[in-house]
Amino acid sequence: MAVTVRVVEVDPAAWLERLDELFIEVVAPFFYRREPRLRARSYLLGLLSGLERKNG
């Protein structure tokens, strides 16, 4: 069975905007204060980054 891979160009600004929308909708309600919410967003961006090794 052959697998076809499709390469799609991604607009980084649009991708980040959509991620922020999802973050606000799904994750942000769990954080009352701004500082922990920003740390959680930074952590999520780190996990989604292209770095080979990821740790907290």
PDB file of N, CA and C in Angstrom:
ATOM      1  N   MET A   1       0.842  -1.167   0.000  1.00  0.00           N
ATOM      2  CA  MET A   1       0.000   0.000   0.000  1.00  0.00           C
ATOM      3  C   MET A   1       0.895   1.240   0.000  1.00  0.00           C
ATOM      4  N   ALA A   2       0.735   2.083  -0.974  1.00  0.00           N
ATOM      5  CA  ALA A   2       1.544   3.295  -1.096  1.00  0.00           C
ATOM      6  C   ALA A   2       0.901   4.429  -0.300  1.00  0.00           C
ATOM      7  N   VAL A   3       1.764   5.199   0.346  1.00  0.00           N
ATOM      8  CA  VAL A   3       1.299   6.352   1.114  1.00  0.00           C
ATOM      9  C   VAL A   3       1.720   7.605   0.376  1.00  0.00           C
ATOM     10  N   THR A   4       0.775   8.480   0.146  1.00  0.00           N
ATOM     11  CA  THR A   4       1.066   9.735  -0.533  1.00  0.00           C
ATOM     12  C   THR A   4       1.223  10.825   0.519  1.00  0.00           C
ATOM     13  N   VAL A   5       2.329  11.540   0.437  1.00  0.00           N
ATOM     14  CA  VAL A   5       2.588  12.628   1.364  1.00  0.00           C
ATOM     15  C   VAL A   5       2.373  13.941   0.628  1.00  0.00           C
ATOM     16  N   ARG A   6       1.633  14.813   1.237  1.00  0.00           N
ATOM     17  CA  ARG A   6       1.348  16.096   0.625  1.00  0.00           C
ATOM     18  C   ARG A   6       2.028  17.204   1.428  1.00  0.00           C
ATOM     19  N   VAL A   7       2.787  18.031   0.755  1.00  0.00           N
ATOM     20  CA  VAL A   7       3.452  19.154   1.402  1.00  0.00           C
ATOM     21  C   VAL A   7       2.608  20.399   1.182  1.00  0.00           C
ATOM     22  N   VAL A   8       2.317  21.074   2.282  1.00  0.00           N
ATOM     23  CA  VAL A   8       1.471  22.254   2.223  1.00  0.00           C
ATOM     24  C   VAL A   8       2.228  23.415   2.858  1.00  0.00           C
ATOM     25  N   GLU A   9       2.172  24.559   2.214  1.00  0.00           N
ATOM     26  CA  GLU A   9       2.796  25.738   2.806  1.00  0.00           C
ATOM     27  C   GLU A   9       1.905  26.251   3.933  1.00  0.00           C
ATOM     28  N   VAL A  10       2.540  26.654   5.005  1.00  0.00           N
ATOM     29  CA  VAL A  10       1.817  27.142   6.164  1.00  0.00           C
ATOM     30  C   VAL A  10       2.225  28.589   6.415  1.00  0.00           C
ATOM     31  N   ASP A  11       1.241  29.432   6.589  1.00  0.00           N
ATOM     32  CA  ASP A  11       1.492  30.818   6.941  1.00  0.00           C
ATOM     33  C   ASP A  11       1.692  30.876   8.455  1.00  0.00           C
ATOM     34  N   PRO A  12       2.911  31.165   8.932  1.00  0.00           N
ATOM     35  CA  PRO A  12       3.181  31.146  10.376  1.00  0.00           C
ATOM     36  C   PRO A  12       2.279  32.093  11.170  1.00  0.00           C
ATOM     37  N   ALA A  13       1.995  33.263  10.626  1.00  0.00           N
ATOM     38  CA  ALA A  13       1.144  34.220  11.346  1.00  0.00           C
ATOM     39  C   ALA A  13      -0.269  33.670  11.505  1.00  0.00           C
ATOM     40  N   ALA A  14      -0.801  33.080  10.455  1.00  0.00           N
ATOM     41  CA  ALA A  14      -2.149  32.516  10.516  1.00  0.00           C
ATOM     42  C   ALA A  14      -2.181  31.309  11.453  1.00  0.00           C
ATOM     43  N   TRP A  15      -1.116  30.490  11.415  1.00  0.00           N
ATOM     44  CA  TRP A  15      -1.029  29.318  12.281  1.00  0.00           C
ATOM     45  C   TRP A  15      -1.018  29.747  13.747  1.00  0.00           C
ATOM     46  N   LEU A  16      -0.213  30.754  14.072  1.00  0.00           N
ATOM     47  CA  LEU A  16      -0.117  31.233  15.444  1.00  0.00           C
ATOM     48  C   LEU A  16      -1.428  31.874  15.896  1.00  0.00           C
ATOM     49  N   GLU A  17      -2.089  32.577  15.008  1.00  0.00           N
ATOM     50  CA  GLU A  17      -3.381  33.185  15.339  1.00  0.00           C
ATOM     51  C   GLU A  17      -4.411  32.106  15.667  1.00  0.00           C
ATOM     52  N   ARG A  18      -4.438  31.063  14.870  1.00  0.00           N
ATOM     53  CA  ARG A  18      -5.389  29.963  15.116  1.00  0.00           C
ATOM     54  C   ARG A  18      -5.049  29.232  16.408  1.00  0.00           C
ATOM     55  N   LEU A  19      -3.753  29.045  16.673  1.00  0.00           N
ATOM     56  CA  LEU A  19      -3.338  28.408  17.924  1.00  0.00           C
ATOM     57  C   LEU A  19      -3.789  29.253  19.104  1.00  0.00           C
ATOM     58  N   ASP A  20      -3.620  30.570  19.019  1.00  0.00           N
ATOM     59  CA  ASP A  20      -4.053  31.461  20.095  1.00  0.00           C
ATOM     60  C   ASP A  20      -5.562  31.373  20.312  1.00  0.00           C
ATOM     61  N   GLU A  21      -6.322  31.292  19.232  1.00  0.00           N
ATOM     62  CA  GLU A  21      -7.780  31.157  19.352  1.00  0.00           C
ATOM     63  C   GLU A  21      -8.139  29.868  20.096  1.00  0.00           C
ATOM     64  N   LEU A  22      -7.501  28.770  19.708  1.00  0.00           N
ATOM     65  CA  LEU A  22      -7.762  27.487  20.370  1.00  0.00           C
ATOM     66  C   LEU A  22      -7.315  27.510  21.818  1.00  0.00           C
ATOM     67  N   PHE A  23      -6.166  28.138  22.077  1.00  0.00           N
ATOM     68  CA  PHE A  23      -5.656  28.231  23.442  1.00  0.00           C
ATOM     69  C   PHE A  23      -6.645  28.989  24.330  1.00  0.00           C
ATOM     70  N   ILE A  24      -7.142  30.117  23.830  1.00  0.00           N
ATOM     71  CA  ILE A  24      -8.098  30.921  24.591  1.00  0.00           C
ATOM     72  C   ILE A  24      -9.375  30.134  24.867  1.00  0.00           C
ATOM     73  N   GLU A  25      -9.784  29.351  23.897  1.00  0.00           N
ATOM     74  CA  GLU A  25     -11.022  28.593  24.011  1.00  0.00           C
ATOM     75  C   GLU A  25     -10.886  27.383  24.930  1.00  0.00           C
ATOM     76  N   VAL A  26      -9.761  26.677  24.839  1.00  0.00           N
ATOM     77  CA  VAL A  26      -9.628  25.383  25.511  1.00  0.00           C
ATOM     78  C   VAL A  26      -8.815  25.456  26.811  1.00  0.00           C
ATOM     79  N   VAL A  27      -7.673  26.122  26.797  1.00  0.00           N
ATOM     80  CA  VAL A  27      -6.748  26.066  27.926  1.00  0.00           C
ATOM     81  C   VAL A  27      -6.905  27.250  28.880  1.00  0.00           C
ATOM     82  N   ALA A  28      -7.019  28.438  28.349  1.00  0.00           N
ATOM     83  CA  ALA A  28      -7.019  29.658  29.165  1.00  0.00           C
ATOM     84  C   ALA A  28      -8.065  29.674  30.285  1.00  0.00           C
ATOM     85  N   PRO A  29      -9.245  29.107  30.093  1.00  0.00           N
ATOM     86  CA  PRO A  29     -10.225  29.148  31.190  1.00  0.00           C
ATOM     87  C   PRO A  29      -9.747  28.474  32.481  1.00  0.00           C
ATOM     88  N   PHE A  30      -8.734  27.626  32.395  1.00  0.00           N
ATOM     89  CA  PHE A  30      -8.219  26.954  33.581  1.00  0.00           C
ATOM     90  C   PHE A  30      -7.247  27.821  34.372  1.00  0.00           C
ATOM     91  N   PHE A  31      -6.862  28.968  33.828  1.00  0.00           N
ATOM     92  CA  PHE A  31      -5.899  29.845  34.478  1.00  0.00           C
ATOM     93  C   PHE A  31      -6.543  31.206  34.731  1.00  0.00           C
ATOM     94  N   TYR A  32      -6.759  31.516  36.004  1.00  0.00           N
ATOM     95  CA  TYR A  32      -7.388  32.789  36.358  1.00  0.00           C
ATOM     96  C   TYR A  32      -6.415  33.955  36.173  1.00  0.00           C
ATOM     97  N   ARG A  33      -5.182  33.762  36.621  1.00  0.00           N
ATOM     98  CA  ARG A  33      -4.190  34.836  36.544  1.00  0.00           C
ATOM     99  C   ARG A  33      -3.467  34.820  35.200  1.00  0.00           C
ATOM    100  N   ARG A  34      -3.034  35.975  34.780  1.00  0.00           N
ATOM    101  CA  ARG A  34      -2.391  36.156  33.477  1.00  0.00           C
ATOM    102  C   ARG A  34      -1.031  35.455  33.387  1.00  0.00           C
ATOM    103  N   GLU A  35      -0.219  35.554  34.452  1.00  0.00           N
ATOM    104  CA  GLU A  35       1.140  35.014  34.419  1.00  0.00           C
ATOM    105  C   GLU A  35       1.172  33.503  34.183  1.00  0.00           C
ATOM    106  N   PRO A  36       0.410  32.707  34.937  1.00  0.00           N
ATOM    107  CA  PRO A  36       0.404  31.263  34.656  1.00  0.00           C
ATOM    108  C   PRO A  36      -0.137  30.931  33.260  1.00  0.00           C
ATOM    109  N   ARG A  37      -1.104  31.730  32.812  1.00  0.00           N
ATOM    110  CA  ARG A  37      -1.663  31.515  31.469  1.00  0.00           C
ATOM    111  C   ARG A  37      -0.594  31.741  30.404  1.00  0.00           C
ATOM    112  N   LEU A  38       0.235  32.787  30.566  1.00  0.00           N
ATOM    113  CA  LEU A  38       1.318  33.054  29.614  1.00  0.00           C
ATOM    114  C   LEU A  38       2.381  31.964  29.661  1.00  0.00           C
ATOM    115  N   ARG A  39       2.685  31.465  30.867  1.00  0.00           N
ATOM    116  CA  ARG A  39       3.658  30.371  30.982  1.00  0.00           C
ATOM    117  C   ARG A  39       3.140  29.113  30.293  1.00  0.00           C
ATOM    118  N   ALA A  40       1.853  28.827  30.463  1.00  0.00           N
ATOM    119  CA  ALA A  40       1.260  27.650  29.822  1.00  0.00           C
ATOM    120  C   ALA A  40       1.313  27.782  28.300  1.00  0.00           C
ATOM    121  N   ARG A  41       1.053  28.970  27.794  1.00  0.00           N
ATOM    122  CA  ARG A  41       1.123  29.204  26.341  1.00  0.00           C
ATOM    123  C   ARG A  41       2.548  29.021  25.831  1.00  0.00           C
ATOM    124  N   SER A  42       3.522  29.544  26.564  1.00  0.00           N
ATOM    125  CA  SER A  42       4.924  29.392  26.176  1.00  0.00           C
ATOM    126  C   SER A  42       5.341  27.924  26.196  1.00  0.00           C
ATOM    127  N   TYR A  43       4.892  27.202  27.210  1.00  0.00           N
ATOM    128  CA  TYR A  43       5.201  25.778  27.312  1.00  0.00           C
ATOM    129  C   TYR A  43       4.612  25.022  26.123  1.00  0.00           C
ATOM    130  N   LEU A  44       3.369  25.315  25.784  1.00  0.00           N
ATOM    131  CA  LEU A  44       2.724  24.668  24.643  1.00  0.00           C
ATOM    132  C   LEU A  44       3.468  24.968  23.345  1.00  0.00           C
ATOM    133  N   LEU A  45       3.853  26.226  23.139  1.00  0.00           N
ATOM    134  CA  LEU A  45       4.615  26.579  21.939  1.00  0.00           C
ATOM    135  C   LEU A  45       5.941  25.840  21.893  1.00  0.00           C
ATOM    136  N   GLY A  46       6.569  25.663  23.051  1.00  0.00           N
ATOM    137  CA  GLY A  46       7.816  24.901  23.108  1.00  0.00           C
ATOM    138  C   GLY A  46       7.614  23.456  22.719  1.00  0.00           C
ATOM    139  N   LEU A  47       6.527  22.859  23.197  1.00  0.00           N
ATOM    140  CA  LEU A  47       6.243  21.456  22.839  1.00  0.00           C
ATOM    141  C   LEU A  47       5.966  21.298  21.355  1.00  0.00           C
ATOM    142  N   LEU A  48       5.367  22.315  20.754  1.00  0.00           N
ATOM    143  CA  LEU A  48       5.031  22.251  19.324  1.00  0.00           C
ATOM    144  C   LEU A  48       6.188  22.693  18.417  1.00  0.00           C
ATOM    145  N   SER A  49       7.270  23.156  19.003  1.00  0.00           N
ATOM    146  CA  SER A  49       8.389  23.649  18.207  1.00  0.00           C
ATOM    147  C   SER A  49       9.103  22.502  17.504  1.00  0.00           C
ATOM    148  N   GLY A  50       9.964  22.857  16.613  1.00  0.00           N
ATOM    149  CA  GLY A  50      10.706  21.872  15.843  1.00  0.00           C
ATOM    150  C   GLY A  50      11.987  21.401  16.518  1.00  0.00           C
ATOM    151  N   LEU A  51      12.198  21.752  17.760  1.00  0.00           N
ATOM    152  CA  LEU A  51      13.408  21.342  18.462  1.00  0.00           C
ATOM    153  C   LEU A  51      13.437  19.834  18.636  1.00  0.00           C
ATOM    154  N   GLU A  52      14.622  19.265  18.573  1.00  0.00           N
ATOM    155  CA  GLU A  52      14.753  17.819  18.688  1.00  0.00           C
ATOM    156  C   GLU A  52      14.440  17.350  20.104  1.00  0.00           C
ATOM    157  N   ARG A  53      14.998  18.045  21.106  1.00  0.00           N
ATOM    158  CA  ARG A  53      14.783  17.656  22.488  1.00  0.00           C
ATOM    159  C   ARG A  53      13.917  18.688  23.178  1.00  0.00           C
ATOM    160  N   LYS A  54      12.981  18.196  23.956  1.00  0.00           N
ATOM    161  CA  LYS A  54      12.081  19.100  24.680  1.00  0.00           C
ATOM    162  C   LYS A  54      11.991  18.649  26.127  1.00  0.00           C
ATOM    163  N   ASN A  55      12.106  19.607  27.024  1.00  0.00           N
ATOM    164  CA  ASN A  55      11.906  19.311  28.431  1.00  0.00           C
ATOM    165  C   ASN A  55      11.337  20.538  29.114  1.00  0.00           C
ATOM    166  N   GLY A  56      10.880  20.392  30.311  1.00  0.00           N
ATOM    167  CA  GLY A  56      10.253  21.486  31.014  1.00  0.00           C
ATOM    168  C   GLY A  56      11.258  22.269  31.796  1.00  0.00           C
TER     169      GLY A  56
END
